[in-house]
Protein backbone atom coordinates (compact mmCIF):
# COMPACT_ATOMS: atom_id res chain seq x y z
CA MET A 1 9.25 -8.58 -28.32
CA GLY A 2 6.87 -11.08 -27.05
CA ILE A 3 4.54 -10.28 -24.19
CA SER A 4 6.87 -12.56 -21.85
CA HIS A 5 9.58 -9.91 -22.23
CA TYR A 6 7.08 -7.18 -21.35
CA ALA A 7 6.43 -8.45 -17.77
CA LEU A 8 10.35 -8.07 -17.01
CA LEU A 9 10.04 -3.79 -18.11
CA ALA A 10 7.37 -3.52 -15.19
CA THR A 11 7.96 -1.09 -12.70
CA LEU A 12 8.53 -2.14 -9.05
CA PHE A 13 9.58 0.68 -6.72
CA THR A 14 10.01 0.52 -3.25
CA THR A 15 10.30 3.35 -0.38
CA HIS A 16 10.59 3.45 3.52
CA PRO A 17 9.06 6.46 4.69
CA GLY A 18 8.43 5.40 8.21
CA ALA A 19 12.41 5.21 8.39
CA ALA A 20 12.80 8.72 8.72
CA ARG A 21 10.48 9.42 10.84
CA VAL A 22 8.97 7.12 14.00
CA ASP A 23 5.56 8.83 14.05
CA ARG A 24 4.52 7.85 10.94
CA ALA A 25 2.14 5.29 10.08
CA VAL A 26 3.26 4.20 7.18
CA GLU A 27 6.19 1.85 7.25
CA ALA A 28 6.94 1.04 3.01
CA ILE A 29 5.33 1.74 0.02
CA VAL A 30 5.73 -0.81 -3.24
CA ASP A 31 4.59 1.00 -6.70
CA ARG A 32 3.20 -1.97 -8.92
CA GLY A 33 2.12 0.19 -11.18
CA VAL A 34 -1.24 0.61 -11.01
CA ILE A 35 -1.82 -0.72 -7.65
CA VAL A 36 0.38 0.32 -4.65
CA GLU A 37 0.62 -1.99 -1.78
CA MET A 38 1.62 0.13 1.76
CA ILE A 39 2.83 -1.61 4.90
CA VAL A 40 1.07 0.13 7.63
CA ARG A 41 1.90 0.10 11.66
CA CYS A 42 -0.22 -0.79 13.84
CA GLN A 43 -0.32 -0.99 17.91
CA ASN A 44 -0.38 -4.84 17.35
CA GLY A 45 1.96 -5.61 14.29
CA THR A 46 1.45 -4.36 10.86
CA ALA A 47 -0.88 -4.48 8.11
CA ILE A 48 -0.75 -4.42 4.31
CA MET A 49 -3.13 -2.40 2.72
CA SER A 50 -3.69 -1.57 -0.84
CA TYR A 51 -4.12 1.72 -3.19
CA SER A 52 -5.64 1.55 -6.69
CA LYS A 53 -4.36 4.92 -8.76
CA ILE A 54 -7.02 4.05 -11.59
CA GLU A 55 -10.08 3.81 -8.97
CA ARG A 56 -8.44 6.05 -6.36
CA ARG A 57 -9.43 4.37 -3.17
CA TYR A 58 -7.55 2.97 -0.42
CA CYS A 59 -8.12 -1.29 0.16
CA THR A 60 -7.62 -3.19 3.68
CA PRO A 61 -6.69 -6.73 4.21
CA GLN A 62 -10.10 -7.40 3.94
CA PHE A 63 -11.28 -6.39 1.27
CA GLU A 64 -12.90 -3.05 2.32
CA CYS A 65 -12.40 0.05 0.26
CA PHE A 66 -12.41 3.73 1.01
CA SER A 67 -11.37 6.90 -0.04
CA ASN A 68 -9.95 8.21 2.81
CA LEU A 69 -6.14 6.55 4.23
CA ASP A 70 -6.87 7.34 7.76
CA VAL A 71 -10.07 5.71 8.01
CA THR A 72 -8.54 3.03 5.62
CA ILE A 73 -5.64 2.22 8.39
CA ARG A 74 -8.09 2.49 11.45
CA ARG A 75 -10.11 -0.38 9.54
CA SER A 76 -6.69 -2.44 8.37
CA CYS A 77 -5.80 -2.12 12.21
CA GLY A 78 -9.12 -3.17 13.70
CA GLU A 79 -9.94 0.07 15.10
């Protein structure tokens, strides 16, 4: 198999934990292998954050990274 064929085998998994409970901040999770993208609910809309499985850090859309999920959600939402 050539390298281009391996791209088709990449893992892509999406879940919607916010659909089960309205008080959850995380609305959707997209697993892209070493990076997880999260759509979080804010007071004024949503924000897309990322989590590095290698570095074990959450990053805001403004590229600020923290090890604490709650801090990252607050910073992503502009709080």
